[in-house]
Amino acid sequence: MKMKKEMRLIAIVLIAICKISFGQINELHKWHGEYIYHNTIFAVNNNFIICPGRKFSPEFIHFPFKAEQLSVTGSLLKISIRELSKQDSIYGRYFVSLLTRDTAVTDSNLFKLKNLQLRVTENNKIINNWNDVLNYPSFLDSSIALKDNPTIYKKCYWVFNDSLNVNDSLEIEFRDNNSLQPLSKYYLKRIGSPIAPFLAVMIHDSAKTESAAVFIQKAIAEKDKQMKSINSFYVDWPAPAWEGNNNERYFPSSKLAFYFRKPNVNFPDSSLEYKLIGGEYEDTQWHKSGHLIIIPKMESNSHYVLSVRYIDYPENVWKKTFYVPPYWYQTNAFYLIAGFAAALLVMFFLFLLYRQRLKKEKERKAKLNLELRSIRSQLNPHFVFNALGSIQGLINTNEIDKANQYLSEFSNLLRDSLKSSDKDFVPLDSEIEMTKSYLKLEQLRFGFEFKINVDHQINTSEIQIPSLLLQPLIENAVKHGISEMRETGKISIDFSRKDKTLYIHIKDNGKGFESLQKHAGYGLKLTLERIHLLNQTHKEEFVEIDIKSEKEKGSNLLLSFKNYLEK
């Protein structure tokens, strides 16, 4: 057992010595380009390789293979070539960015190592003229161990293992060492990248239980670890030319931390500046910051724009847009439903108010109608009382025949009056006929003259006016105007129209009066009160009365029925 341990130790030491003698490479580069020509691998290693139009998945080609244009950003460039064995696995060894394969059977002998020559030109100056690949420096790559014997490493040949400055170029040409036929060519150039913000890590925490202060403490505590890792991994990588992922959605309780890689180790930590617009953040000024930017709080229903740049390179701005959706009670649908519900509620209250007002209006009109009926009920006894007084006067003067005729006419008039007493409105022709009947009765007693004129434009059968409205006014003209003038007394009644207004003009040549209140009869007072109530009940159709009288010069009464006629 002891002898076996010593032998193992000696074997390990010998393997280590072999590794050192062959200049073994142990570093795994982040970006790796592989061009596989059937059984030969041409590998390019750099911190970042750019090949326009090249896909990251394997691309199968066929000889002749056109010249390949590559751009690299890292300073250290390592290019090697080796044979591909059956035990090789071309996947999983490196972070492979480029993978091109030629598997055509007809090309199987073209790129065998023993048949290949290479020429290397740097900045248009040949640094290694045409030479067999097998004469190039060799090394053992510990990352490519044979499956059947992991202690034996795959032998590789250096094509180039040196640094390139920005704008330096390198050209590598392949040809057949027998026929000198050109086979392939690679053109590489190191490019500089602009100093722009490079987002390496973003931490998102949506836990409602963790406060913003705790999140900030954790983000700061992780800073050194994160920065060391990302600055090492992303060294010499160019910043992405595109903006950050846009229109990302987060919860209202979300908290964000952004870790930006430093362009190089010499950059101070406070070389960035940023501005955040959205939600409660309204300041449009740039704020100085380190390579860690924290957003500890975000509001619902808000859109945000985070802009980041280097203070000394303001032209290169990195942007990220994101948003926090609204709560359910902040959505347009909720506003629409709430507005609709509020509108329904308002309409309901307006309907209740309308019903209440309608009810009050009905009650008011009912009350007015009761008052109107009460006034009309008072007019009939007043009319009967005056008529009986007239009959008594005829009997007292021994004018029996006139008294009998008066009584007969009065019964007819009373019957017509009773028919109209239960109606609010009657046709104008009925009111005119009753007026004629009444004037004829009074003419028997006092012997005066009367005349009724109706404008031919007035259709008396279609016009409705308040019932028994004229009789008290005409009675007042007879009793208080011409009753003492006998045969010399005159009364004229004119019916005319203008637009939608009906005019009734009552004139007498009686003794007149100076004060209406002093000389107006009981019937006139009831009529004036009735007109006032009618105008309250029918506000669109209203009645106006104008009385002018001078002592010993007669009286003029004008009734205006506004909006009682159709145009």
Protein backbone atom coordinates (compact mmCIF):
# COMPACT_ATOMS: atom_id res chain seq x y z
CA MET A 1 0.00 0.00 0.00
CA LYS A 2 2.79 2.40 0.88
CA MET A 3 4.59 1.62 -2.39
CA LYS A 4 1.40 2.35 -4.37
CA LYS A 5 1.01 5.74 -2.71
CA GLU A 6 4.59 6.67 -3.54
CA MET A 7 4.12 5.65 -7.16
CA ARG A 8 0.97 7.78 -7.41
CA LEU A 9 2.81 10.78 -5.98
CA ILE A 10 5.69 10.31 -8.47
CA ALA A 11 3.16 10.08 -11.35
CA ILE A 12 1.45 13.31 -10.29
CA VAL A 13 4.81 15.13 -10.10
CA LEU A 14 5.79 13.85 -13.55
CA ILE A 15 2.45 15.01 -15.03
CA ALA A 16 2.95 18.44 -13.46
CA ILE A 17 6.45 18.67 -14.96
CA CYS A 18 5.05 17.72 -18.37
CA LYS A 19 2.38 20.39 -18.09
CA ILE A 20 4.98 23.03 -17.36
CA SER A 21 7.33 21.87 -20.14
CA PHE A 22 4.61 21.96 -22.78
CA GLY A 23 3.33 25.42 -21.73
CA GLN A 24 -0.07 24.08 -20.81
CA ILE A 25 -3.03 26.51 -20.97
CA ASN A 26 -5.58 26.26 -18.14
CA GLU A 27 -7.57 29.46 -18.67
CA LEU A 28 -11.07 29.11 -20.11
CA HIS A 29 -11.95 32.17 -22.14
CA LYS A 30 -15.42 33.57 -22.08
CA TRP A 31 -15.95 33.92 -25.82
CA HIS A 32 -14.84 31.18 -28.13
CA GLY A 33 -15.12 30.83 -31.88
CA GLU A 34 -14.72 27.40 -33.45
CA TYR A 35 -14.32 26.64 -37.15
CA ILE A 36 -14.40 22.87 -37.69
CA TYR A 37 -13.13 21.56 -41.02
CA HIS A 38 -14.21 17.95 -40.90
CA ASN A 39 -11.47 16.77 -38.50
CA THR A 40 -9.61 20.00 -37.69
CA ILE A 41 -10.59 22.73 -35.22
CA PHE A 42 -9.49 26.32 -35.71
CA ALA A 43 -10.28 28.12 -32.41
CA VAL A 44 -10.33 31.86 -31.68
CA ASN A 45 -10.46 33.02 -28.04
CA ASN A 46 -11.12 36.58 -26.87
CA ASN A 47 -13.18 38.34 -24.23
CA PHE A 48 -15.70 39.33 -26.90
CA ILE A 49 -15.98 38.35 -30.54
CA ILE A 50 -18.25 40.02 -33.06
CA CYS A 51 -19.04 38.36 -36.36
CA PRO A 52 -21.75 40.26 -38.29
CA GLY A 53 -24.43 37.98 -39.66
CA ARG A 54 -23.07 34.86 -37.91
CA LYS A 55 -25.54 32.87 -35.84
CA PHE A 56 -24.63 31.44 -32.46
CA SER A 57 -25.87 27.97 -33.34
CA PRO A 58 -23.75 25.67 -35.59
CA GLU A 59 -23.57 26.80 -39.19
CA PHE A 60 -22.64 24.17 -41.79
CA ILE A 61 -20.43 25.30 -44.65
CA HIS A 62 -18.76 23.72 -47.69
CA PHE A 63 -15.39 24.47 -49.20
CA PRO A 64 -14.36 26.87 -50.69
CA PHE A 65 -14.87 28.81 -47.48
CA LYS A 66 -14.87 32.58 -48.01
CA ALA A 67 -12.81 34.92 -45.88
CA GLU A 68 -14.22 35.49 -42.40
CA GLN A 69 -14.34 38.99 -40.92
CA LEU A 70 -14.11 39.09 -37.13
CA SER A 71 -13.97 41.93 -34.60
CA VAL A 72 -12.66 41.48 -31.07
CA THR A 73 -12.78 43.84 -28.12
CA GLY A 74 -10.45 42.15 -25.62
CA SER A 75 -6.71 42.83 -25.71
CA LEU A 76 -5.59 39.22 -25.29
CA LEU A 77 -6.15 37.16 -28.46
CA LYS A 78 -5.44 33.42 -28.49
CA ILE A 79 -5.78 31.44 -31.71
CA SER A 80 -5.02 27.74 -31.86
CA ILE A 81 -5.51 24.76 -34.15
CA ARG A 82 -5.72 21.03 -33.41
CA GLU A 83 -7.14 17.77 -34.64
CA LEU A 84 -10.67 16.67 -33.85
CA SER A 85 -10.95 13.13 -32.50
CA LYS A 86 -13.95 10.90 -32.04
CA GLN A 87 -13.71 11.40 -28.27
CA ASP A 88 -14.10 15.19 -28.64
CA SER A 89 -17.29 16.94 -27.64
CA ILE A 90 -17.58 20.34 -29.27
CA TYR A 91 -20.29 21.41 -26.85
CA GLY A 92 -20.00 22.40 -23.21
CA ARG A 93 -16.30 23.24 -23.01
CA TYR A 94 -16.45 26.96 -23.61
CA PHE A 95 -18.90 29.77 -23.87
CA VAL A 96 -19.10 29.20 -27.62
CA SER A 97 -20.13 32.29 -29.56
CA LEU A 98 -19.25 31.03 -33.05
CA LEU A 99 -19.48 27.50 -34.37
CA THR A 100 -18.97 26.69 -38.04
CA ARG A 101 -18.59 23.14 -39.41
CA ASP A 102 -17.61 21.58 -42.70
CA THR A 103 -18.71 17.93 -42.79
CA ALA A 104 -18.57 17.30 -46.51
CA VAL A 105 -16.83 14.01 -47.33
CA THR A 106 -15.10 15.59 -50.33
CA ASP A 107 -13.38 18.11 -48.00
CA SER A 108 -12.11 15.53 -45.49
CA ASN A 109 -8.45 15.68 -46.59
CA LEU A 110 -8.17 19.39 -47.28
CA PHE A 111 -7.71 20.57 -43.69
CA LYS A 112 -5.66 17.78 -42.15
CA LEU A 113 -2.96 19.28 -39.95
CA LYS A 114 -0.13 17.54 -41.81
CA ASN A 115 -1.35 19.07 -45.09
CA LEU A 116 -1.79 22.66 -43.84
CA GLN A 117 0.43 25.72 -43.97
CA LEU A 118 -0.32 29.05 -42.23
CA ARG A 119 0.78 32.65 -42.69
CA VAL A 120 0.12 35.33 -40.05
CA THR A 121 0.15 39.07 -40.85
CA GLU A 122 -0.23 41.76 -38.16
CA ASN A 123 -1.00 45.33 -39.21
CA ASN A 124 -0.05 44.46 -42.82
CA LYS A 125 3.33 43.14 -41.65
CA ILE A 126 4.09 39.42 -41.93
CA ILE A 127 5.08 38.11 -38.51
CA ASN A 128 5.04 34.42 -39.43
CA ASN A 129 5.46 33.50 -43.07
CA TRP A 130 4.15 30.35 -44.66
CA ASN A 131 5.00 27.44 -42.43
CA ASP A 132 3.61 23.98 -41.73
CA VAL A 133 1.13 23.89 -38.85
CA LEU A 134 3.12 21.10 -37.20
CA ASN A 135 6.10 23.48 -36.94
CA TYR A 136 4.11 26.03 -34.88
CA PRO A 137 4.55 26.12 -31.05
CA SER A 138 2.50 23.40 -29.34
CA PHE A 139 0.81 23.14 -25.95
CA LEU A 140 -1.48 20.79 -24.03
CA ASP A 141 -4.98 22.05 -23.23
CA SER A 142 -6.13 20.57 -19.89
CA SER A 143 -9.73 21.42 -20.74
CA ILE A 144 -9.70 18.93 -23.63
CA ALA A 145 -8.84 15.59 -22.05
CA LEU A 146 -9.37 12.35 -23.93
CA LYS A 147 -12.32 10.38 -22.65
CA ASP A 148 -10.45 7.10 -22.47
CA ASN A 149 -7.48 8.65 -20.63
CA PRO A 150 -8.23 11.92 -18.75
CA THR A 151 -4.57 12.33 -17.80
CA ILE A 152 -3.50 12.76 -21.42
CA TYR A 153 -4.31 16.17 -22.85
CA LYS A 154 -5.04 17.13 -26.41
CA LYS A 155 -2.03 18.59 -28.24
CA CYS A 156 -2.72 22.02 -29.79
CA TYR A 157 -0.66 24.44 -31.91
CA TRP A 158 -0.44 28.17 -31.33
CA VAL A 159 -1.34 30.31 -34.32
CA PHE A 160 -1.32 33.55 -32.33
CA ASN A 161 -1.00 34.18 -28.58
CA ASP A 162 -0.46 37.84 -27.92
CA SER A 163 -2.17 41.16 -27.26
CA LEU A 164 -3.73 43.52 -29.77
CA ASN A 165 -4.12 47.23 -29.34
CA VAL A 166 -7.28 49.04 -30.42
CA ASN A 167 -7.42 49.29 -34.25
CA ASP A 168 -4.72 46.60 -34.67
CA SER A 169 -5.48 43.98 -37.31
CA LEU A 170 -4.51 40.37 -37.82
CA GLU A 171 -4.74 38.26 -41.00
CA ILE A 172 -4.42 34.45 -40.99
CA GLU A 173 -4.23 32.49 -44.28
CA PHE A 174 -4.47 28.72 -44.92
CA ARG A 175 -3.08 26.80 -47.89
CA ASP A 176 -2.28 23.26 -48.89
CA ASN A 177 1.42 22.53 -48.31
CA ASN A 178 1.65 20.34 -51.42
CA SER A 179 -0.34 22.18 -54.09
CA LEU A 180 -0.01 25.61 -52.38
CA GLN A 181 -3.72 26.07 -53.13
CA PRO A 182 -5.29 28.80 -50.93
CA LEU A 183 -7.94 27.31 -48.68
CA SER A 184 -9.24 29.92 -46.25
CA LYS A 185 -8.53 33.33 -44.77
CA TYR A 186 -9.42 35.11 -41.50
CA TYR A 187 -9.29 38.83 -40.93
CA LEU A 188 -9.49 40.03 -37.30
CA LYS A 189 -9.47 43.55 -35.96
CA ARG A 190 -9.61 44.87 -32.42
CA ILE A 191 -12.21 47.62 -32.03
CA GLY A 192 -12.72 50.03 -29.20
CA SER A 193 -16.09 50.32 -27.53
CA PRO A 194 -17.71 53.57 -26.42
CA ILE A 195 -17.84 54.30 -22.72
CA ALA A 196 -21.51 53.60 -22.08
CA PRO A 197 -23.46 52.15 -19.14
CA PHE A 198 -23.50 48.33 -19.17
CA LEU A 199 -26.22 46.76 -17.05
CA ALA A 200 -24.81 43.49 -15.75
CA VAL A 201 -27.21 42.50 -12.96
CA MET A 202 -30.66 43.66 -11.91
CA ILE A 203 -32.24 42.55 -8.64
CA HIS A 204 -36.02 42.62 -8.36
CA ASP A 205 -37.83 42.15 -5.05
CA SER A 206 -41.63 42.22 -4.92
CA ALA A 207 -42.06 41.01 -1.32
CA LYS A 208 -44.56 43.17 0.52
CA THR A 209 -43.19 42.12 3.93
CA GLU A 210 -39.68 43.44 3.32
CA SER A 211 -39.25 47.15 3.82
CA ALA A 212 -37.38 49.44 1.43
CA ALA A 213 -34.68 50.03 4.08
CA VAL A 214 -33.95 46.29 4.36
CA PHE A 215 -33.81 45.95 0.57
CA ILE A 216 -31.34 48.86 0.33
CA GLN A 217 -29.12 47.33 3.02
CA LYS A 218 -29.07 43.99 1.19
CA ALA A 219 -28.32 45.63 -2.18
CA ILE A 220 -25.42 47.61 -0.68
CA ALA A 221 -24.10 44.54 1.15
CA GLU A 222 -24.08 42.62 -2.16
CA LYS A 223 -22.41 45.46 -4.05
CA ASP A 224 -18.75 44.51 -3.66
CA LYS A 225 -19.44 40.86 -4.41
CA GLN A 226 -21.57 41.64 -7.46
CA MET A 227 -19.20 44.28 -8.85
CA LYS A 228 -16.15 42.04 -8.49
CA SER A 229 -17.93 39.21 -10.29
CA ILE A 230 -19.39 41.21 -13.16
CA ASN A 231 -16.30 43.35 -13.74
CA SER A 232 -14.24 40.16 -14.03
CA PHE A 233 -16.73 38.32 -16.25
CA TYR A 234 -17.61 41.19 -18.58
CA VAL A 235 -14.11 42.64 -18.96
CA ASP A 236 -13.65 44.30 -22.37
CA TRP A 237 -17.22 43.54 -23.43
CA PRO A 238 -18.82 46.40 -25.37
CA ALA A 239 -21.91 47.97 -23.89
CA PRO A 240 -25.09 46.86 -25.70
CA ALA A 241 -26.11 49.28 -28.41
CA TRP A 242 -29.78 48.86 -27.54
CA GLU A 243 -31.67 50.32 -24.62
CA GLY A 244 -32.65 48.27 -21.59
CA ASN A 245 -35.63 45.92 -21.74
CA ASN A 246 -38.58 48.21 -22.18
CA ASN A 247 -42.15 48.21 -20.91
CA GLU A 248 -41.53 45.60 -18.23
CA ARG A 249 -44.30 45.13 -15.70
CA TYR A 250 -43.77 45.15 -11.94
CA PHE A 251 -45.96 44.92 -8.87
CA PRO A 252 -46.65 48.05 -6.79
CA SER A 253 -44.53 46.62 -3.95
CA SER A 254 -41.53 46.07 -6.24
CA LYS A 255 -38.04 47.34 -5.41
CA LEU A 256 -35.23 47.36 -7.98
CA ALA A 257 -31.43 47.47 -7.83
CA PHE A 258 -29.25 47.95 -10.93
CA TYR A 259 -25.56 46.95 -10.96
CA PHE A 260 -23.59 48.55 -13.79
CA ARG A 261 -20.21 47.15 -14.87
CA LYS A 262 -17.23 49.52 -14.80
CA PRO A 263 -15.61 50.06 -18.23
CA ASN A 264 -12.26 49.38 -16.55
CA VAL A 265 -10.77 49.19 -13.09
CA ASN A 266 -9.61 52.82 -13.21
CA PHE A 267 -13.13 54.20 -13.30
CA PRO A 268 -14.21 55.77 -9.99
CA ASP A 269 -17.37 54.45 -8.37
CA SER A 270 -19.12 57.85 -8.56
CA SER A 271 -18.71 58.28 -12.32
CA LEU A 272 -22.36 57.60 -13.24
CA GLU A 273 -25.38 59.87 -13.13
CA TYR A 274 -29.03 59.04 -13.59
CA LYS A 275 -32.53 60.48 -13.62
CA LEU A 276 -35.79 58.69 -12.92
CA ILE A 277 -39.10 60.11 -14.12
CA GLY A 278 -42.48 58.62 -13.25
CA GLY A 279 -44.83 58.22 -10.30
CA GLU A 280 -43.63 60.33 -7.40
CA TYR A 281 -40.30 61.00 -9.15
CA GLU A 282 -40.70 64.25 -11.05
CA ASP A 283 -37.21 65.72 -10.84
CA THR A 284 -35.72 65.95 -14.35
CA GLN A 285 -32.22 66.80 -13.10
CA TRP A 286 -29.34 64.31 -13.41
CA HIS A 287 -28.16 62.89 -10.07
CA LYS A 288 -24.62 61.69 -9.44
CA SER A 289 -24.39 58.00 -8.56
CA GLY A 290 -22.14 55.01 -8.16
CA HIS A 291 -22.45 51.83 -10.20
CA LEU A 292 -25.33 50.70 -7.98
CA ILE A 293 -28.68 52.45 -8.53
CA ILE A 294 -31.62 51.57 -6.27
CA ILE A 295 -35.32 52.26 -6.75
CA PRO A 296 -36.84 51.44 -3.34
CA LYS A 297 -40.44 52.27 -4.09
CA MET A 298 -42.84 52.40 -7.03
CA GLU A 299 -46.41 53.61 -7.24
CA SER A 300 -49.28 51.81 -8.89
CA ASN A 301 -50.70 53.12 -12.15
CA SER A 302 -47.38 54.75 -13.09
CA HIS A 303 -44.93 54.60 -16.00
CA TYR A 304 -41.21 55.10 -15.37
CA VAL A 305 -38.17 56.00 -17.47
CA LEU A 306 -34.71 55.37 -15.99
CA SER A 307 -31.85 57.08 -17.86
CA VAL A 308 -28.20 56.38 -16.98
CA ARG A 309 -24.98 57.80 -18.43
CA TYR A 310 -21.37 58.49 -17.53
CA ILE A 311 -20.68 62.03 -16.43
CA ASP A 312 -17.77 62.40 -18.85
CA TYR A 313 -19.61 60.66 -21.71
CA PRO A 314 -23.13 62.20 -21.71
CA GLU A 315 -23.81 61.28 -25.33
CA ASN A 316 -24.16 57.55 -24.50
CA VAL A 317 -27.41 57.16 -22.55
CA TRP A 318 -28.80 53.82 -21.36
CA LYS A 319 -32.56 53.78 -20.90
CA LYS A 320 -35.09 51.44 -19.39
CA THR A 321 -38.84 51.95 -19.40
CA PHE A 322 -41.14 50.01 -17.09
CA TYR A 323 -44.52 50.42 -15.50
CA VAL A 324 -46.61 49.41 -12.51
CA PRO A 325 -50.20 48.51 -13.44
CA PRO A 326 -53.05 50.16 -11.56
CA TYR A 327 -55.00 48.55 -8.76
CA TRP A 328 -58.44 47.33 -9.74
CA TYR A 329 -59.97 50.53 -8.42
CA GLN A 330 -57.61 52.61 -10.60
CA THR A 331 -58.44 50.96 -13.91
CA ASN A 332 -60.46 52.55 -16.70
CA ALA A 333 -63.00 49.74 -16.40
CA PHE A 334 -63.55 50.59 -12.74
CA TYR A 335 -63.86 54.29 -13.55
CA LEU A 336 -66.35 53.44 -16.29
CA ILE A 337 -68.42 51.20 -14.03
CA ALA A 338 -68.20 53.67 -11.13
CA GLY A 339 -69.16 56.54 -13.41
CA PHE A 340 -72.06 54.54 -14.79
CA ALA A 341 -73.20 53.61 -11.27
CA ALA A 342 -72.85 57.23 -10.12
CA ALA A 343 -74.83 58.38 -13.15
CA LEU A 344 -77.55 55.84 -12.36
CA LEU A 345 -77.59 56.98 -8.75
CA VAL A 346 -77.83 60.64 -9.76
CA MET A 347 -80.56 59.80 -12.25
CA PHE A 348 -82.40 57.88 -9.54
CA PHE A 349 -82.23 60.83 -7.13
CA LEU A 350 -83.22 63.20 -9.92
CA PHE A 351 -86.14 60.91 -10.69
CA LEU A 352 -87.18 60.92 -7.04
CA LEU A 353 -86.82 64.70 -6.95
CA TYR A 354 -88.82 64.97 -10.16
CA ARG A 355 -91.55 62.73 -8.76
CA GLN A 356 -91.60 64.77 -5.59
CA ARG A 357 -91.81 68.03 -7.53
CA LEU A 358 -94.44 66.52 -9.81
CA LYS A 359 -96.41 65.43 -6.79
CA LYS A 360 -96.14 68.89 -5.26
CA GLU A 361 -97.10 70.44 -8.58
CA LYS A 362 -100.14 68.18 -8.80
CA GLU A 363 -101.06 69.06 -5.24
CA ARG A 364 -100.59 72.75 -6.01
CA LYS A 365 -102.71 72.53 -9.14
CA ALA A 366 -105.35 70.52 -7.28
CA LYS A 367 -105.42 73.21 -4.62
CA LEU A 368 -105.67 75.92 -7.27
CA ASN A 369 -108.44 74.04 -9.03
CA LEU A 370 -110.31 73.76 -5.74
CA GLU A 371 -109.93 77.48 -5.27
CA LEU A 372 -111.06 78.11 -8.84
CA ARG A 373 -114.08 75.90 -8.37
CA SER A 374 -114.79 77.68 -5.12
CA ILE A 375 -114.68 81.01 -6.91
CA ARG A 376 -116.90 79.71 -9.73
CA SER A 377 -119.30 78.34 -7.16
CA GLN A 378 -119.44 81.82 -5.66
CA LEU A 379 -120.03 83.43 -9.06
CA ASN A 380 -123.18 81.41 -9.77
CA PRO A 381 -125.05 82.50 -6.59
CA HIS A 382 -123.88 86.04 -7.24
CA PHE A 383 -125.26 85.87 -10.77
CA VAL A 384 -128.54 84.37 -9.57
CA PHE A 385 -128.85 86.98 -6.83
CA ASN A 386 -128.41 89.83 -9.34
CA ALA A 387 -130.87 88.25 -11.79
CA LEU A 388 -133.51 87.83 -9.08
CA GLY A 389 -132.95 91.43 -8.13
CA SER A 390 -133.61 92.44 -11.71
CA ILE A 391 -136.84 90.35 -11.80
CA GLN A 392 -137.94 91.93 -8.54
CA GLY A 393 -137.31 95.34 -10.02
CA LEU A 394 -139.51 94.57 -13.02
CA ILE A 395 -142.30 93.29 -10.79
CA ASN A 396 -142.09 96.34 -8.55
CA THR A 397 -142.50 98.58 -11.60
CA ASN A 398 -145.50 96.53 -12.62
CA GLU A 399 -143.81 95.32 -15.82
CA ILE A 400 -145.29 91.86 -15.52
CA ASP A 401 -144.80 90.88 -19.16
CA LYS A 402 -141.15 91.87 -19.09
CA ALA A 403 -140.75 90.08 -15.78
CA ASN A 404 -142.21 86.87 -17.26
CA GLN A 405 -140.02 87.17 -20.37
CA TYR A 406 -136.98 87.89 -18.17
CA LEU A 407 -137.76 84.89 -16.02
CA SER A 408 -138.07 82.63 -19.07
CA GLU A 409 -134.80 83.88 -20.57
CA PHE A 410 -133.13 83.68 -17.20
CA SER A 411 -134.06 80.01 -16.78
CA ASN A 412 -132.45 79.20 -20.13
CA LEU A 413 -129.35 81.19 -19.23
CA LEU A 414 -129.16 79.59 -15.80
CA ARG A 415 -129.39 76.13 -17.37
CA ASP A 416 -126.50 76.93 -19.76
CA SER A 417 -124.55 78.43 -16.91
CA LEU A 418 -124.96 75.31 -14.80
CA LYS A 419 -123.79 73.17 -17.73
CA SER A 420 -120.58 75.20 -17.96
CA SER A 421 -120.01 75.52 -14.24
CA ASP A 422 -118.42 72.05 -13.92
CA LYS A 423 -116.00 72.68 -16.81
CA ASP A 424 -112.69 74.52 -16.54
CA PHE A 425 -112.69 75.57 -20.21
CA VAL A 426 -115.46 75.99 -22.78
CA PRO A 427 -115.47 76.90 -26.49
CA LEU A 428 -115.40 80.61 -27.20
CA ASP A 429 -118.66 80.45 -29.21
CA SER A 430 -120.48 79.06 -26.12
CA GLU A 431 -119.17 81.91 -24.00
CA ILE A 432 -120.27 84.43 -26.66
CA GLU A 433 -123.79 82.96 -26.78
CA MET A 434 -124.12 83.12 -22.99
CA THR A 435 -122.89 86.71 -23.10
CA LYS A 436 -125.56 87.57 -25.69
CA SER A 437 -128.25 85.89 -23.60
CA TYR A 438 -127.21 87.79 -20.50
CA LEU A 439 -127.09 91.18 -22.32
CA LYS A 440 -130.57 90.54 -23.78
CA LEU A 441 -131.91 89.89 -20.28
CA GLU A 442 -130.41 93.07 -18.89
CA GLN A 443 -131.56 94.98 -22.00
CA LEU A 444 -135.18 94.11 -21.06
CA ARG A 445 -134.70 95.89 -17.76
CA PHE A 446 -132.46 98.87 -18.64
CA GLY A 447 -133.07 99.34 -22.38
CA PHE A 448 -129.38 100.03 -23.32
CA GLU A 449 -127.73 99.11 -26.61
CA PHE A 450 -124.98 96.46 -27.06
CA LYS A 451 -122.88 95.21 -29.91
CA ILE A 452 -120.64 92.16 -30.23
CA ASN A 453 -117.95 92.06 -32.98
CA VAL A 454 -115.91 88.90 -33.75
CA ASP A 455 -112.87 89.00 -36.04
CA HIS A 456 -113.40 86.70 -39.03
CA GLN A 457 -109.85 85.22 -38.44
CA ILE A 458 -111.05 83.72 -35.16
CA ASN A 459 -112.49 80.20 -35.22
CA THR A 460 -114.71 80.50 -32.13
CA SER A 461 -115.59 76.79 -32.03
CA GLU A 462 -111.94 75.67 -31.66
CA ILE A 463 -110.72 78.22 -29.13
CA GLN A 464 -111.09 77.26 -25.47
CA ILE A 465 -111.25 79.90 -22.75
CA PRO A 466 -112.00 79.66 -18.99
CA SER A 467 -115.73 79.16 -18.47
CA LEU A 468 -117.93 82.02 -17.11
CA LEU A 469 -114.97 84.42 -17.24
CA LEU A 470 -116.71 87.14 -19.28
CA GLN A 471 -120.12 87.20 -17.55
CA PRO A 472 -118.99 88.90 -14.29
CA LEU A 473 -117.02 91.54 -16.25
CA ILE A 474 -120.01 92.35 -18.48
CA GLU A 475 -122.32 92.29 -15.48
CA ASN A 476 -120.02 94.81 -13.78
CA ALA A 477 -120.16 97.06 -16.87
CA VAL A 478 -123.98 96.95 -16.82
CA LYS A 479 -124.55 97.32 -13.09
CA HIS A 480 -121.81 99.87 -12.30
CA GLY A 481 -121.59 101.54 -15.72
CA ILE A 482 -124.79 102.06 -17.75
CA SER A 483 -127.61 100.85 -15.48
CA GLU A 484 -128.66 104.45 -14.70
CA MET A 485 -128.31 105.68 -18.31
CA ARG A 486 -131.14 103.53 -19.63
CA GLU A 487 -131.63 103.92 -23.39
CA THR A 488 -128.51 106.09 -23.76
CA GLY A 489 -126.24 103.43 -22.38
CA LYS A 490 -123.99 101.53 -24.80
CA ILE A 491 -121.84 98.47 -24.47
CA SER A 492 -119.50 97.02 -27.16
CA ILE A 493 -117.57 93.78 -27.03
CA ASP A 494 -114.81 93.14 -29.63
CA PHE A 495 -113.03 89.82 -30.19
CA SER A 496 -109.71 90.06 -32.12
CA ARG A 497 -106.39 88.25 -32.43
CA LYS A 498 -102.72 88.94 -32.99
CA ASP A 499 -100.32 86.05 -33.50
CA LYS A 500 -101.11 83.58 -30.68
CA THR A 501 -102.99 86.08 -28.45
CA LEU A 502 -106.75 86.49 -28.19
CA TYR A 503 -107.99 89.98 -27.24
CA ILE A 504 -111.46 90.74 -25.78
CA HIS A 505 -112.21 94.45 -25.50
CA ILE A 506 -115.23 95.51 -23.38
CA LYS A 507 -116.24 99.20 -23.55
CA ASP A 508 -119.12 101.14 -22.03
CA ASN A 509 -120.09 104.82 -21.94
CA GLY A 510 -121.17 104.70 -18.31
CA LYS A 511 -120.31 106.96 -15.40
CA GLY A 512 -116.89 105.36 -14.86
CA PHE A 513 -114.91 105.47 -11.65
CA GLU A 514 -111.70 106.85 -10.24
CA SER A 515 -110.64 103.97 -8.02
CA LEU A 516 -111.07 100.34 -9.04
CA GLN A 517 -110.81 99.03 -5.51
CA LYS A 518 -113.48 101.42 -4.31
CA HIS A 519 -116.03 100.88 -7.05
CA ALA A 520 -115.29 97.31 -8.21
CA GLY A 521 -118.14 94.91 -7.57
CA TYR A 522 -117.95 91.56 -5.86
CA GLY A 523 -118.03 89.69 -9.20
CA LEU A 524 -115.03 91.65 -10.54
CA LYS A 525 -113.01 90.91 -7.41
CA LEU A 526 -113.73 87.20 -7.74
CA THR A 527 -112.78 87.33 -11.43
CA LEU A 528 -109.46 89.08 -10.73
CA GLU A 529 -108.66 86.45 -8.12
CA ARG A 530 -109.64 83.70 -10.53
CA ILE A 531 -107.32 85.11 -13.25
CA HIS A 532 -104.47 85.13 -10.75
CA LEU A 533 -105.07 81.46 -9.91
CA LEU A 534 -105.40 80.53 -13.60
CA ASN A 535 -102.02 82.07 -14.36
CA GLN A 536 -100.43 80.02 -11.58
CA THR A 537 -101.99 76.83 -12.90
CA HIS A 538 -101.31 77.42 -16.60
CA LYS A 539 -97.96 79.20 -16.76
CA GLU A 540 -97.49 78.85 -20.51
CA GLU A 541 -101.00 80.14 -21.20
CA PHE A 542 -101.76 83.15 -19.10
CA VAL A 543 -104.39 85.89 -18.96
CA GLU A 544 -103.82 89.61 -18.52
CA ILE A 545 -106.50 92.17 -17.67
CA ASP A 546 -106.21 95.89 -18.14
CA ILE A 547 -108.98 98.22 -16.84
CA LYS A 548 -109.07 101.91 -17.64
CA SER A 549 -111.85 104.18 -16.43
CA GLU A 550 -112.47 107.88 -16.01
CA LYS A 551 -115.34 109.37 -14.11
CA GLU A 552 -118.24 110.32 -16.39
CA LYS A 553 -116.26 109.08 -19.44
CA GLY A 554 -116.91 105.36 -19.33
CA SER A 555 -114.72 102.32 -18.88
CA ASN A 556 -112.42 100.21 -21.09
CA LEU A 557 -111.51 96.63 -20.14
CA LEU A 558 -109.02 94.62 -22.19
CA LEU A 559 -108.56 90.88 -21.66
CA SER A 560 -105.46 89.32 -23.27
CA PHE A 561 -105.27 85.53 -23.55
CA LYS A 562 -101.56 84.89 -24.23
CA ASN A 563 -100.63 81.74 -26.19
CA TYR A 564 -104.24 80.62 -26.40
CA LEU A 565 -104.19 80.54 -30.21
CA GLU A 566 -102.27 78.52 -32.75
CA LYS A 567 -100.35 80.41 -35.41
